[in-house]
Amino acid sequence: MAKVELKQPIVQAIAEDVKDAASVVLVDYRGLTVAEDTALRKQLREAGIIYKVCKNTMMKRAFEGTDFAQLNDQLEGPSAIAISKDDATAPARILCKFAKDAKALELKGGVVEGTVYDVAGLTELSKVPSREELLSKLLGSLQSPITNLARVLNQIAEQGGEAAPAEEAATEEAPTEE
């Protein structure tokens, strides 16, 4: 069996992983301890991110004809790939945060929603909150007025349905127009 035939399933597996990907980030993992690598893989897995160490030639073949072919220049030296299908900023966010403590982890570059980013771009992108964080902030801001109204209504109910003393004083002092 030829070497090409053995490599084809690997290339197809990478191509399948990146086919519907929202983002792909490349890193140089050299120098990570086993404990760091295990912790990184766990964080990425929990976020639904595919993380693989692949040969650069295999990734180049898998990227052919896709937006991810823009990463070919970064495919030098040992490379690992982080692929997200849902949350486009998740790989950048997790990898940048992890790289702050694990100095051996180096980001190479990435493609997020069709746009290629260098390390500085990925670092900026990592500061964007996740979709869930943004939705929870929106929900919190929508719930805030309702919560305040409920609190006021509850206070009125606790006082036996009577208006608050400040409101009574304002209505008594206000001149009546006849």
Protein backbone atom coordinates (compact mmCIF):
# COMPACT_ATOMS: atom_id res chain seq x y z
CA MET A 1 0.00 0.00 0.00
CA ALA A 2 1.36 3.42 -0.92
CA LYS A 3 2.03 6.10 1.67
CA VAL A 4 -0.47 8.41 -0.02
CA GLU A 5 -3.26 5.87 0.52
CA LEU A 6 -2.42 5.67 4.22
CA LYS A 7 -2.45 9.45 4.60
CA GLN A 8 -5.70 10.04 2.70
CA PRO A 9 -8.03 9.09 5.62
CA ILE A 10 -6.14 11.51 7.91
CA VAL A 11 -6.49 14.36 5.39
CA GLN A 12 -10.20 13.53 4.96
CA ALA A 13 -10.73 13.54 8.74
CA ILE A 14 -9.13 17.01 9.06
CA ALA A 15 -11.11 18.28 6.05
CA GLU A 16 -14.32 16.96 7.64
CA ASP A 17 -13.50 18.70 10.93
CA VAL A 18 -12.89 22.08 9.28
CA LYS A 19 -15.72 21.80 6.70
CA ASP A 20 -18.38 23.66 8.71
CA ALA A 21 -16.01 25.30 11.20
CA ALA A 22 -16.70 28.83 12.41
CA SER A 23 -13.03 29.17 13.37
CA VAL A 24 -9.68 27.41 13.28
CA VAL A 25 -6.71 28.44 15.41
CA LEU A 26 -3.17 27.08 15.06
CA VAL A 27 -0.80 26.81 18.01
CA ASP A 28 2.73 25.64 18.69
CA TYR A 29 2.43 23.34 21.69
CA ARG A 30 6.17 22.57 22.15
CA GLY A 31 7.28 22.83 25.75
CA LEU A 32 3.90 22.20 27.36
CA THR A 33 4.07 19.78 30.24
CA VAL A 34 1.83 16.73 30.20
CA ALA A 35 -0.27 18.30 32.97
CA GLU A 36 -0.66 21.56 31.00
CA ASP A 37 -1.54 19.71 27.81
CA THR A 38 -4.12 17.59 29.66
CA ALA A 39 -5.67 20.70 31.27
CA LEU A 40 -5.78 22.52 27.91
CA ARG A 41 -7.41 19.58 26.15
CA LYS A 42 -10.00 19.32 28.94
CA GLN A 43 -10.92 23.03 28.68
CA LEU A 44 -11.22 22.84 24.89
CA ARG A 45 -13.26 19.62 25.00
CA GLU A 46 -15.67 21.13 27.55
CA ALA A 47 -16.21 24.08 25.20
CA GLY A 48 -16.99 21.73 22.30
CA ILE A 49 -13.73 22.50 20.48
CA ILE A 50 -11.89 19.85 18.46
CA TYR A 51 -8.15 19.89 19.28
CA LYS A 52 -5.65 17.79 17.36
CA VAL A 53 -1.95 17.59 16.72
CA CYS A 54 -1.53 17.07 12.97
CA LYS A 55 1.26 17.08 10.43
CA ASN A 56 1.50 20.37 8.54
CA THR A 57 1.42 18.67 5.13
CA MET A 58 -1.82 16.91 6.09
CA MET A 59 -3.41 20.19 7.20
CA LYS A 60 -2.29 21.94 4.00
CA ARG A 61 -3.97 19.25 1.91
CA ALA A 62 -7.13 19.37 4.05
CA PHE A 63 -7.28 23.20 3.84
CA GLU A 64 -7.08 23.26 0.01
CA GLY A 65 -9.97 25.20 -1.47
CA THR A 66 -11.19 26.54 1.89
CA ASP A 67 -10.78 29.82 3.79
CA PHE A 68 -8.36 27.97 6.06
CA ALA A 69 -5.78 27.73 3.24
CA GLN A 70 -4.82 31.27 4.36
CA LEU A 71 -3.08 29.58 7.32
CA ASN A 72 -0.55 27.71 5.14
CA ASP A 73 2.17 30.29 5.92
CA GLN A 74 1.85 29.52 9.66
CA LEU A 75 2.19 25.78 9.13
CA GLU A 76 5.84 25.48 10.16
CA GLY A 77 7.18 23.53 13.09
CA PRO A 78 4.96 21.40 15.32
CA SER A 79 1.33 22.50 15.02
CA ALA A 80 -1.87 21.73 16.82
CA ILE A 81 -5.25 22.83 15.53
CA ALA A 82 -8.29 24.01 17.51
CA ILE A 83 -11.58 23.89 15.59
CA SER A 84 -14.91 25.33 16.68
CA LYS A 85 -18.13 24.77 14.79
CA ASP A 86 -20.39 26.92 16.98
CA ASP A 87 -18.70 29.67 19.00
CA ALA A 88 -16.32 31.44 16.61
CA THR A 89 -14.32 33.20 19.33
CA ALA A 90 -14.06 30.27 21.78
CA PRO A 91 -10.74 28.80 20.56
CA ALA A 92 -9.01 32.20 20.61
CA ARG A 93 -10.50 33.02 24.02
CA ILE A 94 -9.49 29.73 25.66
CA LEU A 95 -6.06 29.47 24.03
CA CYS A 96 -5.09 33.10 24.78
CA LYS A 97 -6.19 32.75 28.40
CA PHE A 98 -4.31 29.46 28.75
CA ALA A 99 -1.16 30.90 27.11
CA LYS A 100 -0.94 33.59 29.83
CA ASP A 101 -0.08 30.91 32.40
CA ALA A 102 1.51 28.32 30.10
CA LYS A 103 4.19 30.43 28.42
CA ALA A 104 5.26 27.50 26.21
CA LEU A 105 1.96 27.62 24.28
CA GLU A 106 2.33 29.94 21.30
CA LEU A 107 -0.51 31.01 19.05
CA LYS A 108 0.41 31.06 15.37
CA GLY A 109 -2.71 32.44 13.71
CA GLY A 110 -6.26 31.62 12.90
CA VAL A 111 -9.23 32.05 10.62
CA VAL A 112 -12.45 33.21 12.25
CA GLU A 113 -15.58 33.35 10.10
CA GLY A 114 -13.49 33.60 6.92
CA THR A 115 -11.09 36.30 8.14
CA VAL A 116 -7.45 35.47 8.81
CA TYR A 117 -5.97 36.80 12.08
CA ASP A 118 -2.40 37.00 13.32
CA VAL A 119 -1.49 36.55 16.99
CA ALA A 120 -2.32 40.20 17.86
CA GLY A 121 -5.69 39.88 16.10
CA LEU A 122 -6.48 36.65 17.93
CA THR A 123 -5.57 38.29 21.24
CA GLU A 124 -8.02 41.14 20.55
CA LEU A 125 -10.65 38.64 19.42
CA SER A 126 -10.20 36.66 22.63
CA LYS A 127 -11.52 39.67 24.57
CA VAL A 128 -14.92 39.40 22.87
CA PRO A 129 -17.38 37.75 25.27
CA SER A 130 -18.95 34.47 24.23
CA ARG A 131 -22.43 34.40 22.72
CA GLU A 132 -23.80 32.99 26.00
CA GLU A 133 -22.19 35.82 28.02
CA LEU A 134 -23.65 38.44 25.68
CA LEU A 135 -27.10 36.83 25.83
CA SER A 136 -27.02 36.65 29.62
CA LYS A 137 -26.04 40.35 29.81
CA LEU A 138 -28.90 41.21 27.46
CA LEU A 139 -31.33 39.09 29.47
CA GLY A 140 -30.10 40.69 32.70
CA SER A 141 -30.64 44.19 31.32
CA LEU A 142 -34.12 43.21 30.11
CA GLN A 143 -35.04 41.66 33.47
CA SER A 144 -33.75 44.58 35.53
CA PRO A 145 -36.79 46.92 35.06
CA ILE A 146 -39.20 44.03 35.62
CA THR A 147 -37.39 43.03 38.82
CA ASN A 148 -37.52 46.63 40.10
CA LEU A 149 -41.25 46.87 39.32
CA ALA A 150 -41.88 43.58 41.13
CA ARG A 151 -39.92 44.84 44.16
CA VAL A 152 -41.98 48.05 44.32
CA LEU A 153 -45.26 46.16 43.94
CA ASN A 154 -44.16 43.75 46.66
CA GLN A 155 -43.38 46.65 49.02
CA ILE A 156 -46.81 48.16 48.37
CA ALA A 157 -48.44 44.79 49.04
CA GLU A 158 -46.48 44.40 52.30
CA GLN A 159 -47.77 47.78 53.46
CA GLY A 160 -51.33 46.52 53.05
CA GLY A 161 -51.95 48.16 49.71
CA GLU A 162 -51.50 51.63 51.15
CA ALA A 163 -49.48 54.21 49.27
CA ALA A 164 -46.09 54.96 50.71
CA PRO A 165 -46.00 57.89 53.22
CA ALA A 166 -44.08 60.10 50.77
CA GLU A 167 -46.74 59.53 48.13
CA GLU A 168 -49.55 60.36 50.62
CA ALA A 169 -47.85 63.58 51.65
CA ALA A 170 -47.44 64.59 48.02
CA THR A 171 -51.12 63.97 47.24
CA GLU A 172 -52.32 65.85 50.38
CA GLU A 173 -50.18 68.94 49.74
CA ALA A 174 -50.93 69.15 46.06
CA PRO A 175 -53.54 71.83 45.41
CA THR A 176 -56.69 70.55 43.86
CA GLU A 177 -57.97 72.22 40.75
CA GLU A 178 -61.70 72.71 40.62
